[in-house]
C-alpha atoms as a PDB file:
ATOM      1  CA  UNK A   1       5.628 -26.670 -53.763  1.00  0.00           C
ATOM      2  CA  UNK A   2       5.302 -28.561 -50.495  1.00  0.00           C
ATOM      3  CA  UNK A   3       6.395 -27.082 -47.186  1.00  0.00           C
ATOM      4  CA  UNK A   4       8.883 -29.320 -45.393  1.00  0.00           C
ATOM      5  CA  UNK A   5       7.835 -30.823 -42.057  1.00  0.00           C
ATOM      6  CA  UNK A   6      10.757 -29.108 -40.315  1.00  0.00           C
ATOM      7  CA  UNK A   7       9.051 -25.712 -40.759  1.00  0.00           C
ATOM      8  CA  UNK A   8       5.877 -26.946 -39.088  1.00  0.00           C
ATOM      9  CA  UNK A   9       7.940 -28.364 -36.231  1.00  0.00           C
ATOM     10  CA  UNK A  10       9.852 -25.097 -35.787  1.00  0.00           C
ATOM     11  CA  UNK A  11       6.598 -23.124 -35.827  1.00  0.00           C
ATOM     12  CA  UNK A  12       5.103 -25.425 -33.170  1.00  0.00           C
ATOM     13  CA  UNK A  13       8.190 -25.077 -30.937  1.00  0.00           C
ATOM     14  CA  UNK A  14       8.090 -21.274 -31.315  1.00  0.00           C
ATOM     15  CA  UNK A  15       4.384 -21.124 -30.388  1.00  0.00           C
ATOM     16  CA  UNK A  16       4.883 -23.316 -27.314  1.00  0.00           C
ATOM     17  CA  UNK A  17       7.892 -21.227 -26.207  1.00  0.00           C
ATOM     18  CA  UNK A  18       5.965 -17.959 -26.658  1.00  0.00           C
ATOM     19  CA  UNK A  19       3.018 -19.339 -24.706  1.00  0.00           C
ATOM     20  CA  UNK A  20       5.313 -20.482 -21.884  1.00  0.00           C
ATOM     21  CA  UNK A  21       7.090 -17.124 -21.657  1.00  0.00           C
ATOM     22  CA  UNK A  22       3.792 -15.274 -21.672  1.00  0.00           C
ATOM     23  CA  UNK A  23       2.364 -17.379 -18.874  1.00  0.00           C
ATOM     24  CA  UNK A  24       5.532 -17.135 -16.785  1.00  0.00           C
ATOM     25  CA  UNK A  25       5.695 -13.342 -17.016  1.00  0.00           C
ATOM     26  CA  UNK A  26       1.991 -12.943 -16.210  1.00  0.00           C
ATOM     27  CA  UNK A  27       2.078 -15.116 -13.096  1.00  0.00           C
ATOM     28  CA  UNK A  28       5.189 -13.702 -11.423  1.00  0.00           C
ATOM     29  CA  UNK A  29       3.740 -10.658  -9.672  1.00  0.00           C
ATOM     30  CA  UNK A  30       2.462 -10.472  -6.133  1.00  0.00           C
ATOM     31  CA  UNK A  31       1.110  -7.489  -4.240  1.00  0.00           C
ATOM     32  CA  UNK A  32       2.933  -6.896  -0.999  1.00  0.00           C
ATOM     33  CA  UNK A  33       1.135  -5.389   1.962  1.00  0.00           C
ATOM     34  CA  UNK A  34       3.465  -3.097   3.830  1.00  0.00           C
ATOM     35  CA  UNK A  35       3.404  -2.439   7.504  1.00  0.00           C
ATOM     36  CA  UNK A  36       3.851   0.938   9.119  1.00  0.00           C
ATOM     37  CA  UNK A  37       6.640   1.979   6.760  1.00  0.00           C
ATOM     38  CA  UNK A  38       5.027   5.054   5.295  1.00  0.00           C
ATOM     39  CA  UNK A  39       4.821   3.451   1.857  1.00  0.00           C
ATOM     40  CA  UNK A  40       1.511   1.701   1.418  1.00  0.00           C
ATOM     41  CA  UNK A  41      -0.902  -0.527   3.278  1.00  0.00           C
ATOM     42  CA  UNK A  42      -3.820  -2.242   1.602  1.00  0.00           C
ATOM     43  CA  UNK A  43      -3.530   0.158  -1.297  1.00  0.00           C
ATOM     44  CA  UNK A  44      -3.664   3.305   0.838  1.00  0.00           C
ATOM     45  CA  UNK A  45      -0.690   5.474   1.747  1.00  0.00           C
ATOM     46  CA  UNK A  46       0.392   5.295   5.372  1.00  0.00           C
ATOM     47  CA  UNK A  47       1.131   8.736   6.835  1.00  0.00           C
ATOM     48  CA  UNK A  48       4.541   9.253   8.402  1.00  0.00           C
ATOM     49  CA  UNK A  49       3.494  10.402  11.866  1.00  0.00           C
ATOM     50  CA  UNK A  50       7.070  11.314  12.820  1.00  0.00           C
ATOM     51  CA  UNK A  51       7.010  14.158  10.281  1.00  0.00           C
ATOM     52  CA  UNK A  52       5.890  17.424  11.924  1.00  0.00           C
ATOM     53  CA  UNK A  53       4.332  18.687   8.682  1.00  0.00           C
ATOM     54  CA  UNK A  54       2.185  15.549   8.459  1.00  0.00           C
ATOM     55  CA  UNK A  55       1.287  15.935  12.133  1.00  0.00           C
ATOM     56  CA  UNK A  56       0.159  19.543  11.630  1.00  0.00           C
ATOM     57  CA  UNK A  57      -1.849  18.645   8.538  1.00  0.00           C
ATOM     58  CA  UNK A  58      -3.544  15.790  10.393  1.00  0.00           C
ATOM     59  CA  UNK A  59      -4.316  17.947  13.429  1.00  0.00           C
ATOM     60  CA  UNK A  60      -5.703  20.748  11.258  1.00  0.00           C
ATOM     61  CA  UNK A  61      -7.884  18.313   9.314  1.00  0.00           C
ATOM     62  CA  UNK A  62      -9.277  16.776  12.505  1.00  0.00           C
ATOM     63  CA  UNK A  63      -9.900  20.219  14.063  1.00  0.00           C
ATOM     64  CA  UNK A  64     -11.835  21.270  10.971  1.00  0.00           C
ATOM     65  CA  UNK A  65     -14.079  18.259  11.542  1.00  0.00           C
ATOM     66  CA  UNK A  66     -14.713  19.419  15.112  1.00  0.00           C
ATOM     67  CA  UNK A  67     -12.566  16.791  16.848  1.00  0.00           C
ATOM     68  CA  UNK A  68     -10.867  17.669  20.162  1.00  0.00           C
ATOM     69  CA  UNK A  69      -7.169  17.089  19.409  1.00  0.00           C
ATOM     70  CA  UNK A  70      -5.592  18.479  22.593  1.00  0.00           C
ATOM     71  CA  UNK A  71      -4.534  15.034  23.866  1.00  0.00           C
ATOM     72  CA  UNK A  72      -3.186  14.068  20.442  1.00  0.00           C
ATOM     73  CA  UNK A  73      -1.260  17.340  20.171  1.00  0.00           C
ATOM     74  CA  UNK A  74       0.335  16.709  23.563  1.00  0.00           C
ATOM     75  CA  UNK A  75       1.210  13.137  22.598  1.00  0.00           C
ATOM     76  CA  UNK A  76       2.843  14.346  19.362  1.00  0.00           C
ATOM     77  CA  UNK A  77       4.769  17.040  21.230  1.00  0.00           C
ATOM     78  CA  UNK A  78       6.055  14.510  23.806  1.00  0.00           C
ATOM     79  CA  UNK A  79       6.729  11.769  21.241  1.00  0.00           C
ATOM     80  CA  UNK A  80       4.499   9.397  23.204  1.00  0.00           C
ATOM     81  CA  UNK A  81       3.751   6.738  20.601  1.00  0.00           C
ATOM     82  CA  UNK A  82       1.666   4.629  23.002  1.00  0.00           C
ATOM     83  CA  UNK A  83      -0.626   7.598  23.700  1.00  0.00           C
ATOM     84  CA  UNK A  84      -0.873   8.364  19.969  1.00  0.00           C
ATOM     85  CA  UNK A  85      -1.842   4.763  19.216  1.00  0.00           C
ATOM     86  CA  UNK A  86      -4.411   4.733  22.023  1.00  0.00           C
ATOM     87  CA  UNK A  87      -5.896   8.044  20.826  1.00  0.00           C
ATOM     88  CA  UNK A  88      -6.274   6.731  17.248  1.00  0.00           C
ATOM     89  CA  UNK A  89      -7.796   3.447  18.450  1.00  0.00           C
ATOM     90  CA  UNK A  90     -10.357   5.359  20.510  1.00  0.00           C
ATOM     91  CA  UNK A  91     -11.026   7.719  17.594  1.00  0.00           C
ATOM     92  CA  UNK A  92     -11.594   4.803  15.177  1.00  0.00           C
ATOM     93  CA  UNK A  93     -14.010   3.143  17.594  1.00  0.00           C
ATOM     94  CA  UNK A  94     -16.022   6.332  18.099  1.00  0.00           C
ATOM     95  CA  UNK A  95     -15.918   7.298  14.384  1.00  0.00           C
ATOM     96  CA  UNK A  96     -16.420   4.115  12.349  1.00  0.00           C
ATOM     97  CA  UNK A  97     -16.187   4.320   8.581  1.00  0.00           C
END
């Protein structure tokens, strides 16, 4: 018994469609880099520095490392975001990874 040509044609169309769907679903994703939203930045979670629990945890961690956090504590208490940013910039420069 011979297989009709229509079956080969249908099989070819199905294979091409499956290949197209597979390629389209694999290429659709992009990785977004979030800003200071507290969600994620470059694959690392961004701490929410407006949360007092996060602030206390951060201060405790830095104190345990022997860092003087008096200026940072004052900046957190006063809500001085410019001073907090300056403190962290100075800290990063003096403690490179």
